[in-house]
Amino acid sequence: MTSPTGTRTDTETLVALRQLLLAVLVFGLVGLTFELFLIGHFKDPWEWVPIVLQVAALWPTLAVWFRPSRRAVQSLQAMMLLFFLSGVVGLYLHYRGNAEFELEMYPDLSGFKLLWDALTGATPTLAPGTMMLLSLLGLTVTFRHPALRQ
């Protein structure tokens, strides 16, 4: 549908943007899952959490993309909230692991030096932020989604 001037309507643009964001979300879910397998992110039970969440999130994401319904959108929103929570927990676990390692090597380390060394340690401290970014992307897709009005 186009306007009398031959341009796309705002609704068409919004639908197209939502579809594009869903494609980016699927790309992110598949890519990050693959990356976690490549780096062996499954040695500890906590390391399985993002992998399980990403695989589980594919279903509501694809449902919202191809057969949007109120239940599908709400399922995706719930998954994205779990993603955000897992990102926060992951940031803490990565930081704590690096800080513990630094303190084993240098027991007197404290303050800003400990913070800096833990942030720049072997485990990428800010990597779980990717889960938070995917979460925000998914929540953006579902924001005022038309299926929620049904």
N, C-alpha and C. Protein backbone atom coordinates (compact mmCIF):
# COMPACT_ATOMS: atom_id res chain seq x y z
N MET A 1 0.85 -1.17 0.00
CA MET A 1 0.00 0.00 0.00
C MET A 1 0.89 1.24 0.00
N THR A 2 0.56 2.14 -0.84
CA THR A 2 1.32 3.38 -0.90
C THR A 2 0.38 4.56 -0.75
N SER A 3 0.97 5.67 -0.40
CA SER A 3 0.16 6.89 -0.27
C SER A 3 -0.14 7.41 -1.66
N PRO A 4 -1.02 8.42 -1.76
CA PRO A 4 -1.36 8.99 -3.07
C PRO A 4 -0.13 9.50 -3.82
N THR A 5 0.93 9.83 -3.09
CA THR A 5 2.13 10.34 -3.76
C THR A 5 3.05 9.21 -4.21
N GLY A 6 2.66 7.95 -3.95
CA GLY A 6 3.45 6.82 -4.39
C GLY A 6 4.51 6.36 -3.40
N THR A 7 4.53 6.96 -2.19
CA THR A 7 5.52 6.56 -1.20
C THR A 7 4.90 5.56 -0.23
N ARG A 8 5.74 4.84 0.47
CA ARG A 8 5.25 3.87 1.45
C ARG A 8 4.61 4.59 2.64
N THR A 9 3.65 3.91 3.24
CA THR A 9 3.02 4.47 4.42
C THR A 9 3.89 4.19 5.64
N ASP A 10 3.63 4.90 6.71
CA ASP A 10 4.36 4.68 7.96
C ASP A 10 4.17 3.24 8.45
N THR A 11 2.97 2.71 8.28
CA THR A 11 2.70 1.34 8.72
C THR A 11 3.56 0.35 7.96
N GLU A 12 3.66 0.51 6.66
CA GLU A 12 4.50 -0.38 5.86
C GLU A 12 5.97 -0.27 6.27
N THR A 13 6.39 0.93 6.55
CA THR A 13 7.78 1.13 6.98
C THR A 13 8.02 0.45 8.31
N LEU A 14 7.08 0.57 9.23
CA LEU A 14 7.21 -0.06 10.54
C LEU A 14 7.25 -1.58 10.42
N VAL A 15 6.40 -2.14 9.57
CA VAL A 15 6.39 -3.59 9.36
C VAL A 15 7.73 -4.03 8.78
N ALA A 16 8.25 -3.30 7.81
CA ALA A 16 9.54 -3.64 7.21
C ALA A 16 10.67 -3.55 8.22
N LEU A 17 10.66 -2.52 9.06
CA LEU A 17 11.70 -2.38 10.09
C LEU A 17 11.61 -3.51 11.10
N ARG A 18 10.40 -3.88 11.48
CA ARG A 18 10.22 -4.98 12.43
C ARG A 18 10.77 -6.28 11.84
N GLN A 19 10.51 -6.52 10.57
CA GLN A 19 11.02 -7.72 9.90
C GLN A 19 12.55 -7.70 9.84
N LEU A 20 13.10 -6.56 9.54
CA LEU A 20 14.56 -6.42 9.49
C LEU A 20 15.18 -6.66 10.86
N LEU A 21 14.59 -6.11 11.91
CA LEU A 21 15.10 -6.31 13.27
C LEU A 21 14.99 -7.78 13.68
N LEU A 22 13.93 -8.45 13.27
CA LEU A 22 13.80 -9.88 13.56
C LEU A 22 14.90 -10.67 12.86
N ALA A 23 15.22 -10.30 11.62
CA ALA A 23 16.31 -10.97 10.90
C ALA A 23 17.65 -10.75 11.62
N VAL A 24 17.89 -9.54 12.08
CA VAL A 24 19.12 -9.25 12.83
C VAL A 24 19.15 -10.05 14.13
N LEU A 25 18.00 -10.15 14.80
CA LEU A 25 17.93 -10.92 16.04
C LEU A 25 18.25 -12.40 15.78
N VAL A 26 17.67 -12.99 14.74
CA VAL A 26 17.97 -14.39 14.41
C VAL A 26 19.45 -14.54 14.09
N PHE A 27 20.00 -13.64 13.31
CA PHE A 27 21.42 -13.67 12.98
C PHE A 27 22.27 -13.60 14.25
N GLY A 28 21.89 -12.74 15.18
CA GLY A 28 22.62 -12.62 16.44
C GLY A 28 22.51 -13.87 17.29
N LEU A 29 21.31 -14.46 17.37
CA LEU A 29 21.12 -15.67 18.17
C LEU A 29 21.95 -16.83 17.62
N VAL A 30 21.87 -17.03 16.32
CA VAL A 30 22.61 -18.14 15.71
C VAL A 30 24.12 -17.88 15.79
N GLY A 31 24.52 -16.67 15.48
CA GLY A 31 25.95 -16.33 15.49
C GLY A 31 26.57 -16.44 16.87
N LEU A 32 25.88 -15.93 17.88
CA LEU A 32 26.43 -15.98 19.24
C LEU A 32 26.45 -17.41 19.77
N THR A 33 25.44 -18.20 19.45
CA THR A 33 25.43 -19.60 19.87
C THR A 33 26.62 -20.33 19.26
N PHE A 34 26.84 -20.13 17.97
CA PHE A 34 27.97 -20.74 17.28
C PHE A 34 29.29 -20.29 17.90
N GLU A 35 29.40 -19.02 18.18
CA GLU A 35 30.62 -18.47 18.80
C GLU A 35 30.88 -19.12 20.16
N LEU A 36 29.86 -19.27 20.97
CA LEU A 36 30.03 -19.88 22.29
C LEU A 36 30.47 -21.34 22.18
N PHE A 37 29.97 -22.05 21.18
CA PHE A 37 30.44 -23.41 20.97
C PHE A 37 31.90 -23.42 20.51
N LEU A 38 32.26 -22.49 19.63
CA LEU A 38 33.65 -22.44 19.14
C LEU A 38 34.65 -22.18 20.27
N ILE A 39 34.27 -21.38 21.26
CA ILE A 39 35.21 -21.08 22.34
C ILE A 39 35.08 -22.06 23.51
N GLY A 40 34.21 -23.06 23.38
CA GLY A 40 34.06 -24.06 24.43
C GLY A 40 33.39 -23.53 25.68
N HIS A 41 32.36 -22.73 25.49
CA HIS A 41 31.65 -22.09 26.60
C HIS A 41 30.61 -23.04 27.18
N PHE A 42 31.06 -24.24 27.62
CA PHE A 42 30.13 -25.21 28.18
C PHE A 42 30.80 -26.12 29.20
N LYS A 43 31.86 -25.63 29.81
CA LYS A 43 32.59 -26.43 30.80
C LYS A 43 31.92 -26.42 32.17
N ASP A 44 31.21 -25.37 32.47
CA ASP A 44 30.56 -25.17 33.77
C ASP A 44 29.05 -25.05 33.52
N PRO A 45 28.21 -25.51 34.44
CA PRO A 45 26.76 -25.40 34.21
C PRO A 45 26.29 -23.96 33.90
N TRP A 46 26.90 -22.97 34.55
CA TRP A 46 26.51 -21.57 34.28
C TRP A 46 26.79 -21.19 32.83
N GLU A 47 27.80 -21.80 32.22
CA GLU A 47 28.16 -21.46 30.85
C GLU A 47 27.13 -21.96 29.84
N TRP A 48 26.31 -22.91 30.24
CA TRP A 48 25.25 -23.41 29.36
C TRP A 48 24.06 -22.46 29.29
N VAL A 49 23.91 -21.60 30.28
CA VAL A 49 22.72 -20.74 30.34
C VAL A 49 22.53 -19.92 29.07
N PRO A 50 23.53 -19.16 28.60
CA PRO A 50 23.27 -18.38 27.38
C PRO A 50 23.01 -19.25 26.15
N ILE A 51 23.66 -20.39 26.08
CA ILE A 51 23.44 -21.29 24.93
C ILE A 51 22.00 -21.79 24.93
N VAL A 52 21.53 -22.27 26.07
CA VAL A 52 20.16 -22.78 26.17
C VAL A 52 19.15 -21.66 25.87
N LEU A 53 19.39 -20.48 26.43
CA LEU A 53 18.48 -19.36 26.19
C LEU A 53 18.43 -18.98 24.71
N GLN A 54 19.59 -18.97 24.07
CA GLN A 54 19.63 -18.57 22.65
C GLN A 54 18.89 -19.57 21.78
N VAL A 55 19.11 -20.85 22.02
CA VAL A 55 18.40 -21.87 21.24
C VAL A 55 16.90 -21.78 21.52
N ALA A 56 16.53 -21.63 22.78
CA ALA A 56 15.11 -21.53 23.14
C ALA A 56 14.46 -20.28 22.55
N ALA A 57 15.21 -19.20 22.43
CA ALA A 57 14.65 -17.95 21.91
C ALA A 57 14.40 -17.98 20.41
N LEU A 58 15.02 -18.93 19.72
CA LEU A 58 14.79 -19.00 18.27
C LEU A 58 13.32 -19.27 17.96
N TRP A 59 12.67 -20.11 18.75
CA TRP A 59 11.28 -20.48 18.44
C TRP A 59 10.33 -19.30 18.55
N PRO A 60 10.29 -18.57 19.66
CA PRO A 60 9.37 -17.42 19.67
C PRO A 60 9.78 -16.34 18.68
N THR A 61 11.08 -16.21 18.42
CA THR A 61 11.53 -15.21 17.44
C THR A 61 10.99 -15.55 16.06
N LEU A 62 11.14 -16.81 15.67
CA LEU A 62 10.62 -17.22 14.35
C LEU A 62 9.10 -17.17 14.31
N ALA A 63 8.46 -17.46 15.43
CA ALA A 63 7.00 -17.38 15.49
C ALA A 63 6.53 -15.94 15.29
N VAL A 64 7.19 -15.00 15.94
CA VAL A 64 6.81 -13.59 15.78
C VAL A 64 7.08 -13.14 14.34
N TRP A 65 8.13 -13.66 13.75
CA TRP A 65 8.49 -13.28 12.39
C TRP A 65 7.47 -13.80 11.37
N PHE A 66 7.11 -15.09 11.49
CA PHE A 66 6.30 -15.70 10.44
C PHE A 66 4.82 -15.86 10.78
N ARG A 67 4.49 -16.00 12.06
CA ARG A 67 3.10 -16.16 12.47
C ARG A 67 2.86 -15.41 13.77
N PRO A 68 2.93 -14.09 13.70
CA PRO A 68 2.81 -13.31 14.94
C PRO A 68 1.45 -13.49 15.61
N SER A 69 1.50 -13.74 16.89
CA SER A 69 0.30 -13.84 17.71
C SER A 69 0.62 -13.21 19.06
N ARG A 70 -0.40 -12.95 19.81
CA ARG A 70 -0.20 -12.37 21.14
C ARG A 70 0.71 -13.27 21.98
N ARG A 71 0.46 -14.57 21.96
CA ARG A 71 1.27 -15.51 22.75
C ARG A 71 2.73 -15.53 22.28
N ALA A 72 2.95 -15.50 20.98
CA ALA A 72 4.31 -15.51 20.44
C ALA A 72 5.07 -14.26 20.87
N VAL A 73 4.41 -13.10 20.76
CA VAL A 73 5.05 -11.83 21.14
C VAL A 73 5.36 -11.83 22.64
N GLN A 74 4.42 -12.27 23.45
CA GLN A 74 4.65 -12.31 24.89
C GLN A 74 5.75 -13.32 25.25
N SER A 75 5.81 -14.43 24.53
CA SER A 75 6.88 -15.41 24.77
C SER A 75 8.24 -14.80 24.45
N LEU A 76 8.31 -14.07 23.34
CA LEU A 76 9.57 -13.42 22.98
C LEU A 76 9.94 -12.37 24.03
N GLN A 77 8.97 -11.61 24.50
CA GLN A 77 9.26 -10.62 25.54
C GLN A 77 9.80 -11.29 26.80
N ALA A 78 9.20 -12.40 27.20
CA ALA A 78 9.67 -13.12 28.39
C ALA A 78 11.09 -13.63 28.19
N MET A 79 11.36 -14.18 27.00
CA MET A 79 12.72 -14.66 26.72
C MET A 79 13.72 -13.51 26.77
N MET A 80 13.33 -12.37 26.25
CA MET A 80 14.26 -11.24 26.22
C MET A 80 14.53 -10.71 27.63
N LEU A 81 13.56 -10.80 28.51
CA LEU A 81 13.80 -10.42 29.90
C LEU A 81 14.78 -11.40 30.55
N LEU A 82 14.65 -12.69 30.24
CA LEU A 82 15.60 -13.68 30.73
C LEU A 82 17.00 -13.43 30.15
N PHE A 83 17.05 -13.02 28.88
CA PHE A 83 18.33 -12.67 28.26
C PHE A 83 19.00 -11.54 29.04
N PHE A 84 18.22 -10.51 29.35
CA PHE A 84 18.80 -9.37 30.04
C PHE A 84 19.34 -9.80 31.41
N LEU A 85 18.54 -10.58 32.13
CA LEU A 85 18.97 -11.07 33.44
C LEU A 85 20.22 -11.93 33.31
N SER A 86 20.28 -12.80 32.32
CA SER A 86 21.46 -13.65 32.15
C SER A 86 22.69 -12.80 31.80
N GLY A 87 22.48 -11.72 31.07
CA GLY A 87 23.60 -10.82 30.76
C GLY A 87 24.16 -10.17 32.01
N VAL A 88 23.27 -9.73 32.89
CA VAL A 88 23.71 -9.11 34.16
C VAL A 88 24.47 -10.13 35.00
N VAL A 89 23.92 -11.34 35.11
CA VAL A 89 24.59 -12.39 35.89
C VAL A 89 25.93 -12.74 35.24
N GLY A 90 25.95 -12.82 33.92
CA GLY A 90 27.19 -13.13 33.21
C GLY A 90 28.27 -12.09 33.43
N LEU A 91 27.88 -10.81 33.41
CA LEU A 91 28.85 -9.75 33.69
C LEU A 91 29.47 -9.96 35.06
N TYR A 92 28.63 -10.25 36.04
CA TYR A 92 29.12 -10.48 37.39
C TYR A 92 30.05 -11.69 37.44
N LEU A 93 29.65 -12.80 36.83
CA LEU A 93 30.45 -14.02 36.88
C LEU A 93 31.80 -13.84 36.17
N HIS A 94 31.79 -13.17 35.02
CA HIS A 94 33.04 -12.92 34.31
C HIS A 94 33.96 -12.03 35.14
N TYR A 95 33.40 -10.97 35.70
CA TYR A 95 34.21 -10.06 36.52
C TYR A 95 34.77 -10.80 37.74
N ARG A 96 33.89 -11.53 38.43
CA ARG A 96 34.32 -12.24 39.64
C ARG A 96 35.43 -13.24 39.34
N GLY A 97 35.29 -13.99 38.25
CA GLY A 97 36.32 -14.96 37.87
C GLY A 97 37.66 -14.30 37.61
N ASN A 98 37.63 -13.18 36.90
CA ASN A 98 38.88 -12.45 36.63
C ASN A 98 39.46 -11.87 37.92
N ALA A 99 38.60 -11.33 38.77
CA ALA A 99 39.08 -10.73 40.03
C ALA A 99 39.71 -11.81 40.92
N GLU A 100 39.07 -12.97 41.00
CA GLU A 100 39.62 -14.06 41.81
C GLU A 100 40.98 -14.51 41.28
N PHE A 101 41.10 -14.60 39.97
CA PHE A 101 42.37 -14.98 39.37
C PHE A 101 43.46 -13.96 39.71
N GLU A 102 43.13 -12.68 39.55
CA GLU A 102 44.10 -11.61 39.85
C GLU A 102 44.51 -11.65 41.33
N LEU A 103 43.54 -11.90 42.21
CA LEU A 103 43.85 -11.93 43.64
C LEU A 103 44.67 -13.16 44.02
N GLU A 104 44.55 -14.25 43.28
CA GLU A 104 45.41 -15.41 43.52
C GLU A 104 46.86 -15.08 43.17
N MET A 105 47.01 -14.34 42.08
CA MET A 105 48.36 -13.97 41.65
C MET A 105 48.94 -12.84 42.49
N TYR A 106 48.11 -11.87 42.84
CA TYR A 106 48.54 -10.68 43.58
C TYR A 106 47.57 -10.44 44.74
N PRO A 107 47.77 -11.13 45.87
CA PRO A 107 46.83 -11.05 46.99
C PRO A 107 46.62 -9.64 47.56
N ASP A 108 47.56 -8.75 47.38
CA ASP A 108 47.44 -7.39 47.92
C ASP A 108 46.74 -6.43 46.96
N LEU A 109 46.35 -6.91 45.80
CA LEU A 109 45.72 -6.05 44.80
C LEU A 109 44.35 -5.57 45.30
N SER A 110 44.05 -4.29 45.10
CA SER A 110 42.76 -3.74 45.52
C SER A 110 42.45 -2.47 44.75
N GLY A 111 41.28 -1.93 45.00
CA GLY A 111 40.89 -0.65 44.43
C GLY A 111 40.80 -0.66 42.92
N PHE A 112 41.17 0.49 42.35
CA PHE A 112 41.05 0.67 40.90
C PHE A 112 41.92 -0.32 40.13
N LYS A 113 43.08 -0.64 40.66
CA LYS A 113 43.98 -1.59 39.98
C LYS A 113 43.31 -2.97 39.87
N LEU A 114 42.66 -3.43 40.92
CA LEU A 114 41.95 -4.70 40.88
C LEU A 114 40.79 -4.62 39.88
N LEU A 115 40.04 -3.54 39.94
CA LEU A 115 38.93 -3.33 39.01
C LEU A 115 39.42 -3.39 37.57
N TRP A 116 40.48 -2.64 37.28
CA TRP A 116 41.01 -2.57 35.92
C TRP A 116 41.52 -3.92 35.45
N ASP A 117 42.28 -4.59 36.30
CA ASP A 117 42.84 -5.89 35.93
C ASP A 117 41.73 -6.93 35.73
N ALA A 118 40.68 -6.85 36.53
CA ALA A 118 39.56 -7.78 36.37
C ALA A 118 38.78 -7.48 35.09
N LEU A 119 38.62 -6.21 34.77
CA LEU A 119 37.91 -5.83 33.54
C LEU A 119 38.69 -6.21 32.29
N THR A 120 40.00 -6.21 32.37
CA THR A 120 40.85 -6.50 31.21
C THR A 120 41.46 -7.89 31.28
N GLY A 121 40.91 -8.75 32.12
CA GLY A 121 41.46 -10.09 32.33
C GLY A 121 41.21 -11.02 31.16
N ALA A 122 41.60 -12.27 31.37
CA ALA A 122 41.52 -13.28 30.31
C ALA A 122 40.09 -13.56 29.87
N THR A 123 39.16 -13.59 30.80
CA THR A 123 37.75 -13.78 30.45
C THR A 123 37.18 -12.42 30.07
N PRO A 124 36.58 -12.31 28.89
CA PRO A 124 36.06 -11.00 28.47
C PRO A 124 34.89 -10.56 29.36
N THR A 125 35.17 -9.65 30.25
CA THR A 125 34.20 -9.25 31.27
C THR A 125 32.91 -8.70 30.67
N LEU A 126 33.02 -7.94 29.61
CA LEU A 126 31.83 -7.28 29.06
C LEU A 126 31.11 -8.10 27.99
N ALA A 127 31.64 -9.28 27.65
CA ALA A 127 31.02 -10.12 26.62
C ALA A 127 29.56 -10.46 26.91
N PRO A 128 29.18 -10.74 28.17
CA PRO A 128 27.76 -11.03 28.42
C PRO A 128 26.84 -9.86 28.09
N GLY A 129 27.39 -8.69 27.92
CA GLY A 129 26.59 -7.55 27.50
C GLY A 129 25.92 -7.80 26.15
N THR A 130 26.46 -8.73 25.37
CA THR A 130 25.85 -9.09 24.10
C THR A 130 24.45 -9.66 24.32
N MET A 131 24.29 -10.43 25.39
CA MET A 131 22.96 -10.95 25.73
C MET A 131 22.01 -9.80 26.03
N MET A 132 22.52 -8.79 26.70
CA MET A 132 21.68 -7.63 27.03
C MET A 132 21.31 -6.87 25.76
N LEU A 133 22.25 -6.75 24.83
CA LEU A 133 21.96 -6.06 23.56
C LEU A 133 20.92 -6.83 22.74
N LEU A 134 21.07 -8.16 22.68
CA LEU A 134 20.07 -8.96 21.97
C LEU A 134 18.71 -8.82 22.65
N SER A 135 18.71 -8.74 23.96
CA SER A 135 17.48 -8.55 24.71
C SER A 135 16.80 -7.25 24.31
N LEU A 136 17.56 -6.19 24.28
CA LEU A 136 16.99 -4.89 23.91
C LEU A 136 16.50 -4.88 22.47
N LEU A 137 17.20 -5.59 21.60
CA LEU A 137 16.76 -5.71 20.21
C LEU A 137 15.42 -6.44 20.14
N GLY A 138 15.30 -7.56 20.86
CA GLY A 138 14.05 -8.30 20.88
C GLY A 138 12.90 -7.51 21.49
N LEU A 139 13.19 -6.78 22.55
CA LEU A 139 12.14 -5.97 23.16
C LEU A 139 11.72 -4.82 22.25
N THR A 140 12.66 -4.30 21.46
CA THR A 140 12.33 -3.26 20.49
C THR A 140 11.39 -3.81 19.43
N VAL A 141 11.65 -5.03 18.98
CA VAL A 141 10.78 -5.67 17.98
C VAL A 141 9.35 -5.80 18.50
N THR A 142 9.21 -6.11 19.78
CA THR A 142 7.88 -6.36 20.34
C THR A 142 7.18 -5.10 20.85
N PHE A 143 7.88 -3.99 20.85
CA PHE A 143 7.30 -2.75 21.38
C PHE A 143 6.07 -2.37 20.57
N ARG A 144 4.93 -2.26 21.25
CA ARG A 144 3.65 -1.91 20.63
C ARG A 144 3.33 -2.79 19.41
N HIS A 145 3.70 -4.05 19.49
CA HIS A 145 3.44 -4.96 18.37
C HIS A 145 1.94 -5.09 18.18
N PRO A 146 1.48 -5.06 16.93
CA PRO A 146 0.05 -5.14 16.67
C PRO A 146 -0.62 -6.40 17.23
N ALA A 147 0.12 -7.49 17.31
CA ALA A 147 -0.46 -8.74 17.82
C ALA A 147 -0.85 -8.62 19.29
N LEU A 148 -0.25 -7.68 20.02
CA LEU A 148 -0.60 -7.48 21.43
C LEU A 148 -1.98 -6.86 21.59
N ARG A 149 -2.51 -6.28 20.55
CA ARG A 149 -3.84 -5.65 20.61
C ARG A 149 -4.96 -6.64 20.36
N GLN A 150 -4.61 -7.84 19.92
CA GLN A 150 -5.64 -8.84 19.58
C GLN A 150 -6.31 -9.38 20.83
